[in-house]
Amino acid sequence: MTTFDDRERNEEARFRHDQEIYFKVRNRRNKLLGLKIANDYLGLHGDEAASYAKDVVMADFERPGDDDVVQKVRTDVAAAGKSISDHMIEKYLEQFEASARASVKAE
């Protein structure tokens, strides 16, 4: 019975660890996206860009999945009089997820 209990505890610990990594990667990815959009599409720099990136990270907590982030970015870019396709936003998300994952692993 102890072997089973040990295995169960190990699985729970690994699951918690995996969820923490997923959370960090996702937040870092969204921050990178927010900085990219702020600089390249909205003309924001410095503290304004950092604040916008934080807003993008917070938008991800509204609904599961990436739709809330994509919608926020698309809406904000449109409000600035520019356009960006969902495909481009998703491409940025993929690109930044890879670099965010590498950065989290390096910690």
N, C-alpha and C. Protein backbone atom coordinates (compact mmCIF):
# COMPACT_ATOMS: atom_id res chain seq x y z
N MET A 1 0.82 -1.20 0.00
CA MET A 1 0.00 0.00 0.00
C MET A 1 0.86 1.26 0.00
N THR A 2 1.99 1.25 0.67
CA THR A 2 2.84 2.44 0.71
C THR A 2 3.42 2.76 -0.65
N THR A 3 3.73 1.77 -1.45
CA THR A 3 4.24 2.03 -2.79
C THR A 3 3.19 2.77 -3.62
N PHE A 4 1.96 2.34 -3.50
CA PHE A 4 0.88 3.02 -4.22
C PHE A 4 0.73 4.46 -3.73
N ASP A 5 0.78 4.65 -2.40
CA ASP A 5 0.66 6.01 -1.84
C ASP A 5 1.81 6.90 -2.29
N ASP A 6 3.00 6.34 -2.31
CA ASP A 6 4.17 7.11 -2.77
C ASP A 6 4.02 7.49 -4.24
N ARG A 7 3.57 6.56 -5.04
CA ARG A 7 3.38 6.83 -6.46
C ARG A 7 2.31 7.92 -6.66
N GLU A 8 1.25 7.83 -5.88
CA GLU A 8 0.18 8.82 -5.98
C GLU A 8 0.70 10.21 -5.60
N ARG A 9 1.45 10.30 -4.52
CA ARG A 9 2.03 11.58 -4.09
C ARG A 9 2.97 12.14 -5.15
N ASN A 10 3.78 11.28 -5.74
CA ASN A 10 4.70 11.71 -6.80
C ASN A 10 3.94 12.23 -8.02
N GLU A 11 2.88 11.53 -8.39
CA GLU A 11 2.07 11.98 -9.53
C GLU A 11 1.42 13.33 -9.25
N GLU A 12 0.91 13.50 -8.04
CA GLU A 12 0.29 14.78 -7.67
C GLU A 12 1.32 15.91 -7.68
N ALA A 13 2.51 15.63 -7.19
CA ALA A 13 3.56 16.64 -7.17
C ALA A 13 3.99 17.00 -8.59
N ARG A 14 4.10 15.99 -9.45
CA ARG A 14 4.46 16.25 -10.85
C ARG A 14 3.38 17.05 -11.55
N PHE A 15 2.12 16.72 -11.29
CA PHE A 15 1.01 17.45 -11.89
C PHE A 15 1.05 18.92 -11.45
N ARG A 16 1.25 19.19 -10.15
CA ARG A 16 1.34 20.56 -9.64
C ARG A 16 2.49 21.31 -10.31
N HIS A 17 3.62 20.64 -10.42
CA HIS A 17 4.79 21.25 -11.05
C HIS A 17 4.50 21.59 -12.52
N ASP A 18 3.90 20.64 -13.24
CA ASP A 18 3.57 20.87 -14.65
C ASP A 18 2.60 22.03 -14.81
N GLN A 19 1.63 22.15 -13.92
CA GLN A 19 0.66 23.23 -13.97
C GLN A 19 1.33 24.58 -13.69
N GLU A 20 2.27 24.61 -12.75
CA GLU A 20 3.00 25.84 -12.47
C GLU A 20 3.82 26.28 -13.67
N ILE A 21 4.48 25.34 -14.32
CA ILE A 21 5.27 25.65 -15.51
C ILE A 21 4.35 26.17 -16.62
N TYR A 22 3.24 25.50 -16.83
CA TYR A 22 2.27 25.92 -17.85
C TYR A 22 1.79 27.35 -17.59
N PHE A 23 1.49 27.67 -16.34
CA PHE A 23 1.04 29.00 -15.95
C PHE A 23 2.12 30.04 -16.23
N LYS A 24 3.35 29.76 -15.85
CA LYS A 24 4.44 30.70 -16.08
C LYS A 24 4.69 30.93 -17.56
N VAL A 25 4.71 29.84 -18.33
CA VAL A 25 4.95 29.95 -19.78
C VAL A 25 3.85 30.76 -20.43
N ARG A 26 2.62 30.49 -20.08
CA ARG A 26 1.48 31.19 -20.68
C ARG A 26 1.51 32.68 -20.35
N ASN A 27 1.79 33.01 -19.10
CA ASN A 27 1.86 34.42 -18.71
C ASN A 27 3.02 35.14 -19.40
N ARG A 28 4.17 34.48 -19.47
CA ARG A 28 5.32 35.10 -20.13
C ARG A 28 5.05 35.26 -21.62
N ARG A 29 4.44 34.28 -22.23
CA ARG A 29 4.08 34.36 -23.65
C ARG A 29 3.15 35.54 -23.90
N ASN A 30 2.14 35.69 -23.06
CA ASN A 30 1.18 36.79 -23.23
C ASN A 30 1.84 38.15 -22.99
N LYS A 31 2.78 38.20 -22.06
CA LYS A 31 3.50 39.45 -21.82
C LYS A 31 4.32 39.83 -23.05
N LEU A 32 5.01 38.84 -23.64
CA LEU A 32 5.79 39.11 -24.84
C LEU A 32 4.89 39.57 -25.99
N LEU A 33 3.73 38.95 -26.12
CA LEU A 33 2.78 39.38 -27.14
C LEU A 33 2.35 40.82 -26.88
N GLY A 34 2.02 41.14 -25.64
CA GLY A 34 1.59 42.49 -25.30
C GLY A 34 2.66 43.52 -25.61
N LEU A 35 3.92 43.20 -25.32
CA LEU A 35 5.01 44.13 -25.63
C LEU A 35 5.17 44.31 -27.14
N LYS A 36 5.06 43.23 -27.88
CA LYS A 36 5.17 43.30 -29.35
C LYS A 36 4.07 44.18 -29.93
N ILE A 37 2.83 43.95 -29.50
CA ILE A 37 1.70 44.72 -30.01
C ILE A 37 1.84 46.18 -29.59
N ALA A 38 2.22 46.41 -28.34
CA ALA A 38 2.37 47.78 -27.85
C ALA A 38 3.41 48.54 -28.67
N ASN A 39 4.54 47.94 -28.92
CA ASN A 39 5.61 48.61 -29.66
C ASN A 39 5.30 48.76 -31.15
N ASP A 40 4.90 47.67 -31.80
CA ASP A 40 4.78 47.66 -33.25
C ASP A 40 3.45 48.18 -33.78
N TYR A 41 2.38 48.04 -33.01
CA TYR A 41 1.06 48.40 -33.53
C TYR A 41 0.43 49.60 -32.82
N LEU A 42 0.74 49.76 -31.55
CA LEU A 42 0.08 50.83 -30.78
C LEU A 42 0.99 52.02 -30.52
N GLY A 43 2.27 51.90 -30.84
CA GLY A 43 3.20 52.99 -30.64
C GLY A 43 3.50 53.29 -29.18
N LEU A 44 3.35 52.30 -28.32
CA LEU A 44 3.62 52.48 -26.89
C LEU A 44 5.03 51.98 -26.58
N HIS A 45 5.69 52.67 -25.66
CA HIS A 45 7.04 52.28 -25.26
C HIS A 45 7.19 52.47 -23.77
N GLY A 46 8.22 51.85 -23.20
CA GLY A 46 8.54 52.01 -21.79
C GLY A 46 7.43 51.53 -20.87
N ASP A 47 7.08 52.38 -19.90
CA ASP A 47 6.07 52.01 -18.91
C ASP A 47 4.70 51.78 -19.53
N GLU A 48 4.37 52.55 -20.58
CA GLU A 48 3.07 52.36 -21.24
C GLU A 48 2.99 50.98 -21.89
N ALA A 49 4.08 50.56 -22.52
CA ALA A 49 4.12 49.23 -23.16
C ALA A 49 4.04 48.14 -22.09
N ALA A 50 4.75 48.32 -20.99
CA ALA A 50 4.71 47.33 -19.90
C ALA A 50 3.31 47.23 -19.31
N SER A 51 2.65 48.37 -19.17
CA SER A 51 1.28 48.38 -18.64
C SER A 51 0.32 47.67 -19.60
N TYR A 52 0.49 47.92 -20.89
CA TYR A 52 -0.36 47.25 -21.88
C TYR A 52 -0.10 45.74 -21.85
N ALA A 53 1.16 45.33 -21.74
CA ALA A 53 1.49 43.90 -21.69
C ALA A 53 0.83 43.25 -20.48
N LYS A 54 0.80 43.97 -19.37
CA LYS A 54 0.14 43.46 -18.17
C LYS A 54 -1.36 43.28 -18.41
N ASP A 55 -1.96 44.22 -19.15
CA ASP A 55 -3.39 44.12 -19.49
C ASP A 55 -3.66 42.89 -20.36
N VAL A 56 -2.74 42.59 -21.27
CA VAL A 56 -2.89 41.40 -22.12
C VAL A 56 -2.81 40.13 -21.26
N VAL A 57 -1.89 40.11 -20.32
CA VAL A 57 -1.77 38.95 -19.42
C VAL A 57 -3.07 38.78 -18.64
N MET A 58 -3.61 39.87 -18.12
CA MET A 58 -4.84 39.80 -17.33
C MET A 58 -6.04 39.38 -18.17
N ALA A 59 -6.04 39.74 -19.45
CA ALA A 59 -7.15 39.36 -20.33
C ALA A 59 -7.27 37.85 -20.47
N ASP A 60 -6.16 37.15 -20.29
CA ASP A 60 -6.16 35.70 -20.44
C ASP A 60 -6.93 35.00 -19.34
N PHE A 61 -7.23 35.70 -18.25
CA PHE A 61 -7.94 35.08 -17.13
C PHE A 61 -9.45 35.17 -17.29
N GLU A 62 -9.92 35.80 -18.37
CA GLU A 62 -11.36 35.96 -18.57
C GLU A 62 -12.05 34.66 -18.98
N ARG A 63 -11.47 33.95 -19.94
CA ARG A 63 -12.05 32.69 -20.44
C ARG A 63 -10.94 31.70 -20.72
N PRO A 64 -11.26 30.42 -20.68
CA PRO A 64 -10.24 29.43 -21.06
C PRO A 64 -9.86 29.57 -22.53
N GLY A 65 -8.65 29.24 -22.85
CA GLY A 65 -8.18 29.31 -24.22
C GLY A 65 -7.58 30.67 -24.54
N ASP A 66 -7.26 30.84 -25.81
CA ASP A 66 -6.60 32.07 -26.25
C ASP A 66 -7.55 33.10 -26.85
N ASP A 67 -8.81 32.77 -26.97
CA ASP A 67 -9.75 33.68 -27.63
C ASP A 67 -9.82 35.05 -26.97
N ASP A 68 -9.77 35.09 -25.65
CA ASP A 68 -9.86 36.37 -24.95
C ASP A 68 -8.65 37.25 -25.24
N VAL A 69 -7.47 36.64 -25.34
CA VAL A 69 -6.25 37.40 -25.65
C VAL A 69 -6.30 37.90 -27.09
N VAL A 70 -6.68 37.02 -28.01
CA VAL A 70 -6.76 37.38 -29.43
C VAL A 70 -7.77 38.51 -29.61
N GLN A 71 -8.91 38.40 -28.97
CA GLN A 71 -9.94 39.44 -29.10
C GLN A 71 -9.46 40.78 -28.54
N LYS A 72 -8.80 40.77 -27.39
CA LYS A 72 -8.29 42.01 -26.81
C LYS A 72 -7.31 42.70 -27.75
N VAL A 73 -6.35 41.92 -28.25
CA VAL A 73 -5.33 42.48 -29.12
C VAL A 73 -5.97 43.02 -30.40
N ARG A 74 -6.85 42.24 -31.00
CA ARG A 74 -7.50 42.66 -32.23
C ARG A 74 -8.29 43.96 -32.02
N THR A 75 -9.03 44.03 -30.92
CA THR A 75 -9.83 45.21 -30.61
C THR A 75 -8.96 46.43 -30.36
N ASP A 76 -7.88 46.26 -29.61
CA ASP A 76 -6.99 47.38 -29.31
C ASP A 76 -6.27 47.89 -30.55
N VAL A 77 -5.84 46.99 -31.40
CA VAL A 77 -5.17 47.40 -32.64
C VAL A 77 -6.16 48.12 -33.55
N ALA A 78 -7.38 47.62 -33.64
CA ALA A 78 -8.41 48.28 -34.45
C ALA A 78 -8.73 49.67 -33.91
N ALA A 79 -8.76 49.82 -32.57
CA ALA A 79 -9.03 51.12 -31.96
C ALA A 79 -7.92 52.12 -32.27
N ALA A 80 -6.72 51.61 -32.54
CA ALA A 80 -5.59 52.47 -32.90
C ALA A 80 -5.57 52.79 -34.38
N GLY A 81 -6.60 52.30 -35.12
CA GLY A 81 -6.69 52.58 -36.54
C GLY A 81 -5.84 51.69 -37.41
N LYS A 82 -5.41 50.56 -36.88
CA LYS A 82 -4.60 49.62 -37.65
C LYS A 82 -5.32 48.28 -37.68
N SER A 83 -4.75 47.34 -38.40
CA SER A 83 -5.39 46.03 -38.44
C SER A 83 -4.34 44.94 -38.27
N ILE A 84 -4.82 43.82 -37.74
CA ILE A 84 -4.00 42.64 -37.57
C ILE A 84 -4.93 41.44 -37.67
N SER A 85 -4.49 40.43 -38.37
CA SER A 85 -5.34 39.25 -38.54
C SER A 85 -5.20 38.32 -37.34
N ASP A 86 -6.24 37.52 -37.12
CA ASP A 86 -6.18 36.52 -36.06
C ASP A 86 -5.02 35.55 -36.32
N HIS A 87 -4.79 35.26 -37.59
CA HIS A 87 -3.70 34.36 -37.95
C HIS A 87 -2.36 34.93 -37.49
N MET A 88 -2.15 36.23 -37.67
CA MET A 88 -0.89 36.85 -37.26
C MET A 88 -0.75 36.83 -35.74
N ILE A 89 -1.85 37.10 -35.05
CA ILE A 89 -1.80 37.06 -33.58
C ILE A 89 -1.46 35.65 -33.11
N GLU A 90 -2.07 34.65 -33.70
CA GLU A 90 -1.80 33.26 -33.33
C GLU A 90 -0.36 32.87 -33.67
N LYS A 91 0.15 33.40 -34.77
CA LYS A 91 1.54 33.15 -35.13
C LYS A 91 2.47 33.75 -34.07
N TYR A 92 2.19 34.96 -33.64
CA TYR A 92 2.97 35.58 -32.57
C TYR A 92 2.89 34.73 -31.30
N LEU A 93 1.68 34.25 -30.98
CA LEU A 93 1.52 33.44 -29.77
C LEU A 93 2.39 32.18 -29.83
N GLU A 94 2.43 31.53 -30.97
CA GLU A 94 3.26 30.33 -31.13
C GLU A 94 4.74 30.67 -30.97
N GLN A 95 5.14 31.76 -31.62
CA GLN A 95 6.54 32.18 -31.56
C GLN A 95 6.95 32.51 -30.13
N PHE A 96 6.11 33.27 -29.45
CA PHE A 96 6.45 33.69 -28.09
C PHE A 96 6.31 32.55 -27.09
N GLU A 97 5.47 31.57 -27.38
CA GLU A 97 5.36 30.43 -26.48
C GLU A 97 6.67 29.65 -26.47
N ALA A 98 7.28 29.50 -27.64
CA ALA A 98 8.55 28.78 -27.71
C ALA A 98 9.63 29.51 -26.91
N SER A 99 9.72 30.82 -27.07
CA SER A 99 10.75 31.54 -26.33
C SER A 99 10.42 31.61 -24.83
N ALA A 100 9.14 31.70 -24.49
CA ALA A 100 8.75 31.72 -23.08
C ALA A 100 9.08 30.38 -22.43
N ARG A 101 8.82 29.29 -23.13
CA ARG A 101 9.12 27.96 -22.60
C ARG A 101 10.62 27.81 -22.36
N ALA A 102 11.42 28.26 -23.32
CA ALA A 102 12.87 28.18 -23.16
C ALA A 102 13.35 29.01 -21.99
N SER A 103 12.76 30.18 -21.82
CA SER A 103 13.16 31.07 -20.73
C SER A 103 12.76 30.50 -19.38
N VAL A 104 11.59 29.89 -19.29
CA VAL A 104 11.16 29.28 -18.02
C VAL A 104 12.04 28.07 -17.70
N LYS A 105 12.37 27.29 -18.69
CA LYS A 105 13.24 26.12 -18.46
C LYS A 105 14.62 26.55 -17.99
N ALA A 106 15.08 27.71 -18.46
CA ALA A 106 16.42 28.19 -18.10
C ALA A 106 16.49 28.67 -16.65
N GLU A 107 15.34 28.91 -16.03
CA GLU A 107 15.33 29.42 -14.64
C GLU A 107 15.74 28.36 -13.65
